[in-house]
């Protein structure tokens, strides 16, 4: 079994940290997009209710 150098291990850890951070950002963006979609949906429903009063 081969061993990895401390430098290689450090690089792997750094890449994993970057991947985790990117995933957290993506999840946050997804949440924000869902909230924006809800707001837009209710704005459209308000417009329709005004039209059909």
PDB file of N, CA and C in Angstrom:
ATOM      1  N   UNK A   1       0.843  -1.185   0.000  1.00  0.00           N
ATOM      2  CA  UNK A   1       0.000   0.000   0.000  1.00  0.00           C
ATOM      3  C   UNK A   1       0.882   1.241   0.000  1.00  0.00           C
ATOM      4  N   UNK A   2       0.582   2.179  -0.885  1.00  0.00           N
ATOM      5  CA  UNK A   2       1.386   3.389  -0.970  1.00  0.00           C
ATOM      6  C   UNK A   2       0.906   4.414   0.045  1.00  0.00           C
ATOM      7  N   UNK A   3       1.811   5.251   0.463  1.00  0.00           N
ATOM      8  CA  UNK A   3       1.440   6.335   1.371  1.00  0.00           C
ATOM      9  C   UNK A   3       1.450   7.645   0.599  1.00  0.00           C
ATOM     10  N   UNK A   4       0.652   8.582   1.082  1.00  0.00           N
ATOM     11  CA  UNK A   4       0.632   9.899   0.445  1.00  0.00           C
ATOM     12  C   UNK A   4       1.469  10.852   1.279  1.00  0.00           C
ATOM     13  N   UNK A   5       1.973  11.851   0.611  1.00  0.00           N
ATOM     14  CA  UNK A   5       2.803  12.828   1.297  1.00  0.00           C
ATOM     15  C   UNK A   5       1.916  13.810   2.062  1.00  0.00           C
ATOM     16  N   UNK A   6       2.471  14.472   3.056  1.00  0.00           N
ATOM     17  CA  UNK A   6       1.691  15.493   3.759  1.00  0.00           C
ATOM     18  C   UNK A   6       1.167  16.571   2.805  1.00  0.00           C
ATOM     19  N   UNK A   7       1.963  16.900   1.805  1.00  0.00           N
ATOM     20  CA  UNK A   7       1.519  17.907   0.832  1.00  0.00           C
ATOM     21  C   UNK A   7       0.303  17.412   0.044  1.00  0.00           C
ATOM     22  N   UNK A   8       0.353  16.150  -0.386  1.00  0.00           N
ATOM     23  CA  UNK A   8      -0.788  15.581  -1.105  1.00  0.00           C
ATOM     24  C   UNK A   8      -2.024  15.523  -0.206  1.00  0.00           C
ATOM     25  N   UNK A   9      -1.829  15.139   1.038  1.00  0.00           N
ATOM     26  CA  UNK A   9      -2.947  15.066   1.981  1.00  0.00           C
ATOM     27  C   UNK A   9      -3.549  16.457   2.196  1.00  0.00           C
ATOM     28  N   UNK A  10      -2.692  17.447   2.306  1.00  0.00           N
ATOM     29  CA  UNK A  10      -3.153  18.820   2.493  1.00  0.00           C
ATOM     30  C   UNK A  10      -3.970  19.290   1.293  1.00  0.00           C
ATOM     31  N   UNK A  11      -3.511  18.948   0.098  1.00  0.00           N
ATOM     32  CA  UNK A  11      -4.220  19.321  -1.127  1.00  0.00           C
ATOM     33  C   UNK A  11      -5.598  18.646  -1.174  1.00  0.00           C
ATOM     34  N   UNK A  12      -5.641  17.364  -0.804  1.00  0.00           N
ATOM     35  CA  UNK A  12      -6.918  16.634  -0.788  1.00  0.00           C
ATOM     36  C   UNK A  12      -7.888  17.294   0.187  1.00  0.00           C
ATOM     37  N   UNK A  13      -7.424  17.611   1.378  1.00  0.00           N
ATOM     38  CA  UNK A  13      -8.273  18.263   2.374  1.00  0.00           C
ATOM     39  C   UNK A  13      -8.769  19.603   1.848  1.00  0.00           C
ATOM     40  N   UNK A  14      -7.882  20.365   1.224  1.00  0.00           N
ATOM     41  CA  UNK A  14      -8.265  21.663   0.667  1.00  0.00           C
ATOM     42  C   UNK A  14      -9.349  21.521  -0.398  1.00  0.00           C
ATOM     43  N   UNK A  15      -9.187  20.543  -1.279  1.00  0.00           N
ATOM     44  CA  UNK A  15     -10.177  20.320  -2.334  1.00  0.00           C
ATOM     45  C   UNK A  15     -11.522  19.890  -1.752  1.00  0.00           C
ATOM     46  N   UNK A  16     -11.499  19.037  -0.735  1.00  0.00           N
ATOM     47  CA  UNK A  16     -12.738  18.620  -0.086  1.00  0.00           C
ATOM     48  C   UNK A  16     -13.428  19.806   0.592  1.00  0.00           C
ATOM     49  N   UNK A  17     -12.647  20.668   1.234  1.00  0.00           N
ATOM     50  CA  UNK A  17     -13.219  21.862   1.863  1.00  0.00           C
ATOM     51  C   UNK A  17     -13.864  22.766   0.818  1.00  0.00           C
ATOM     52  N   UNK A  18     -13.218  22.924  -0.330  1.00  0.00           N
ATOM     53  CA  UNK A  18     -13.789  23.733  -1.408  1.00  0.00           C
ATOM     54  C   UNK A  18     -15.092  23.131  -1.909  1.00  0.00           C
ATOM     55  N   UNK A  19     -15.121  21.807  -2.061  1.00  0.00           N
ATOM     56  CA  UNK A  19     -16.329  21.134  -2.546  1.00  0.00           C
ATOM     57  C   UNK A  19     -17.481  21.317  -1.557  1.00  0.00           C
ATOM     58  N   UNK A  20     -17.188  21.199  -0.267  1.00  0.00           N
ATOM     59  CA  UNK A  20     -18.221  21.382   0.758  1.00  0.00           C
ATOM     60  C   UNK A  20     -18.740  22.811   0.726  1.00  0.00           C
ATOM     61  N   UNK A  21     -17.840  23.771   0.624  1.00  0.00           N
ATOM     62  CA  UNK A  21     -18.251  25.178   0.582  1.00  0.00           C
ATOM     63  C   UNK A  21     -19.114  25.452  -0.646  1.00  0.00           C
ATOM     64  N   UNK A  22     -18.742  24.901  -1.789  1.00  0.00           N
ATOM     65  CA  UNK A  22     -19.526  25.101  -3.018  1.00  0.00           C
ATOM     66  C   UNK A  22     -20.917  24.482  -2.881  1.00  0.00           C
ATOM     67  N   UNK A  23     -20.983  23.336  -2.246  1.00  0.00           N
ATOM     68  CA  UNK A  23     -22.287  22.690  -2.044  1.00  0.00           C
ATOM     69  C   UNK A  23     -23.172  23.545  -1.136  1.00  0.00           C
ATOM     70  N   UNK A  24     -22.580  24.093  -0.073  1.00  0.00           N
ATOM     71  CA  UNK A  24     -23.344  24.940   0.840  1.00  0.00           C
ATOM     72  C   UNK A  24     -23.866  26.180   0.117  1.00  0.00           C
ATOM     73  N   UNK A  25     -23.053  26.772  -0.737  1.00  0.00           N
ATOM     74  CA  UNK A  25     -23.482  27.934  -1.516  1.00  0.00           C
ATOM     75  C   UNK A  25     -24.632  27.543  -2.449  1.00  0.00           C
ATOM     76  N   UNK A  26     -24.492  26.393  -3.102  1.00  0.00           N
ATOM     77  CA  UNK A  26     -25.540  25.936  -4.031  1.00  0.00           C
ATOM     78  C   UNK A  26     -26.846  25.682  -3.285  1.00  0.00           C
ATOM     79  N   UNK A  27     -26.757  25.073  -2.104  1.00  0.00           N
ATOM     80  CA  UNK A  27     -27.969  24.814  -1.320  1.00  0.00           C
ATOM     81  C   UNK A  27     -28.617  26.127  -0.884  1.00  0.00           C
ATOM     82  N   UNK A  28     -27.795  27.101  -0.506  1.00  0.00           N
ATOM     83  CA  UNK A  28     -28.324  28.405  -0.128  1.00  0.00           C
ATOM     84  C   UNK A  28     -29.018  29.088  -1.292  1.00  0.00           C
ATOM     85  N   UNK A  29     -28.409  28.991  -2.476  1.00  0.00           N
ATOM     86  CA  UNK A  29     -29.006  29.605  -3.666  1.00  0.00           C
ATOM     87  C   UNK A  29     -30.326  28.928  -4.009  1.00  0.00           C
ATOM     88  N   UNK A  30     -30.382  27.617  -3.851  1.00  0.00           N
ATOM     89  CA  UNK A  30     -31.622  26.886  -4.125  1.00  0.00           C
ATOM     90  C   UNK A  30     -32.729  27.351  -3.190  1.00  0.00           C
ATOM     91  N   UNK A  31     -32.395  27.528  -1.916  1.00  0.00           N
ATOM     92  CA  UNK A  31     -33.386  27.992  -0.936  1.00  0.00           C
ATOM     93  C   UNK A  31     -33.890  29.387  -1.305  1.00  0.00           C
ATOM     94  N   UNK A  32     -32.962  30.274  -1.656  1.00  0.00           N
ATOM     95  CA  UNK A  32     -33.343  31.642  -2.031  1.00  0.00           C
ATOM     96  C   UNK A  32     -34.226  31.618  -3.274  1.00  0.00           C
ATOM     97  N   UNK A  33     -33.872  30.807  -4.267  1.00  0.00           N
ATOM     98  CA  UNK A  33     -34.679  30.717  -5.485  1.00  0.00           C
ATOM     99  C   UNK A  33     -36.085  30.210  -5.189  1.00  0.00           C
ATOM    100  N   UNK A  34     -36.197  29.255  -4.276  1.00  0.00           N
ATOM    101  CA  UNK A  34     -37.521  28.742  -3.910  1.00  0.00           C
ATOM    102  C   UNK A  34     -38.352  29.842  -3.243  1.00  0.00           C
ATOM    103  N   UNK A  35     -37.714  30.637  -2.393  1.00  0.00           N
ATOM    104  CA  UNK A  35     -38.430  31.719  -1.723  1.00  0.00           C
ATOM    105  C   UNK A  35     -38.877  32.768  -2.737  1.00  0.00           C
ATOM    106  N   UNK A  36     -38.002  33.098  -3.684  1.00  0.00           N
ATOM    107  CA  UNK A  36     -38.351  34.073  -4.719  1.00  0.00           C
ATOM    108  C   UNK A  36     -39.510  33.559  -5.571  1.00  0.00           C
ATOM    109  N   UNK A  37     -39.503  32.268  -5.876  1.00  0.00           N
ATOM    110  CA  UNK A  37     -40.582  31.684  -6.672  1.00  0.00           C
ATOM    111  C   UNK A  37     -41.909  31.786  -5.923  1.00  0.00           C
ATOM    112  N   UNK A  38     -41.897  31.583  -4.619  1.00  0.00           N
ATOM    113  CA  UNK A  38     -43.117  31.712  -3.815  1.00  0.00           C
ATOM    114  C   UNK A  38     -43.637  33.152  -3.854  1.00  0.00           C
ATOM    115  N   UNK A  39     -42.736  34.109  -3.709  1.00  0.00           N
ATOM    116  CA  UNK A  39     -43.130  35.520  -3.743  1.00  0.00           C
ATOM    117  C   UNK A  39     -43.763  35.851  -5.093  1.00  0.00           C
ATOM    118  N   UNK A  40     -43.126  35.431  -6.160  1.00  0.00           N
ATOM    119  CA  UNK A  40     -43.642  35.703  -7.509  1.00  0.00           C
ATOM    120  C   UNK A  40     -45.010  35.052  -7.687  1.00  0.00           C
ATOM    121  N   UNK A  41     -45.154  33.832  -7.214  1.00  0.00           N
ATOM    122  CA  UNK A  41     -46.432  33.132  -7.343  1.00  0.00           C
ATOM    123  C   UNK A  41     -47.553  33.950  -6.688  1.00  0.00           C
ATOM    124  N   UNK A  42     -47.300  34.448  -5.488  1.00  0.00           N
ATOM    125  CA  UNK A  42     -48.347  35.209  -4.804  1.00  0.00           C
ATOM    126  C   UNK A  42     -48.585  36.570  -5.456  1.00  0.00           C
ATOM    127  N   UNK A  43     -47.554  37.161  -6.023  1.00  0.00           N
ATOM    128  CA  UNK A  43     -47.745  38.420  -6.753  1.00  0.00           C
ATOM    129  C   UNK A  43     -48.634  38.190  -7.974  1.00  0.00           C
ATOM    130  N   UNK A  44     -48.401  37.092  -8.685  1.00  0.00           N
ATOM    131  CA  UNK A  44     -49.225  36.769  -9.858  1.00  0.00           C
ATOM    132  C   UNK A  44     -50.668  36.494  -9.426  1.00  0.00           C
ATOM    133  N   UNK A  45     -50.835  35.744  -8.343  1.00  0.00           N
ATOM    134  CA  UNK A  45     -52.187  35.472  -7.849  1.00  0.00           C
ATOM    135  C   UNK A  45     -52.913  36.757  -7.452  1.00  0.00           C
ATOM    136  N   UNK A  46     -52.186  37.711  -6.870  1.00  0.00           N
ATOM    137  CA  UNK A  46     -52.787  39.010  -6.526  1.00  0.00           C
ATOM    138  C   UNK A  46     -53.264  39.734  -7.780  1.00  0.00           C
ATOM    139  N   UNK A  47     -52.459  39.708  -8.823  1.00  0.00           N
ATOM    140  CA  UNK A  47     -52.834  40.366 -10.083  1.00  0.00           C
ATOM    141  C   UNK A  47     -54.090  39.712 -10.655  1.00  0.00           C
ATOM    142  N   UNK A  48     -54.113  38.380 -10.682  1.00  0.00           N
ATOM    143  CA  UNK A  48     -55.301  37.679 -11.180  1.00  0.00           C
ATOM    144  C   UNK A  48     -56.538  38.014 -10.352  1.00  0.00           C
ATOM    145  N   UNK A  49     -56.377  38.080  -9.052  1.00  0.00           N
ATOM    146  CA  UNK A  49     -57.547  38.379  -8.219  1.00  0.00           C
ATOM    147  C   UNK A  49     -58.040  39.799  -8.477  1.00  0.00           C
ATOM    148  N   UNK A  50     -57.126  40.723  -8.770  1.00  0.00           N
ATOM    149  CA  UNK A  50     -57.535  42.094  -9.113  1.00  0.00           C
ATOM    150  C   UNK A  50     -58.272  42.115 -10.454  1.00  0.00           C
ATOM    151  N   UNK A  51     -57.809  41.335 -11.396  1.00  0.00           N
ATOM    152  CA  UNK A  51     -58.431  41.304 -12.727  1.00  0.00           C
ATOM    153  C   UNK A  51     -59.853  40.751 -12.649  1.00  0.00           C
ATOM    154  N   UNK A  52     -60.033  39.702 -11.863  1.00  0.00           N
ATOM    155  CA  UNK A  52     -61.315  38.997 -11.860  1.00  0.00           C
ATOM    156  C   UNK A  52     -62.241  39.415 -10.714  1.00  0.00           C
ATOM    157  N   UNK A  53     -61.987  40.584 -10.114  1.00  0.00           N
ATOM    158  CA  UNK A  53     -62.887  41.080  -9.064  1.00  0.00           C
ATOM    159  C   UNK A  53     -64.176  41.547  -9.668  1.00  0.00           C
TER     160      UNK A  53
END
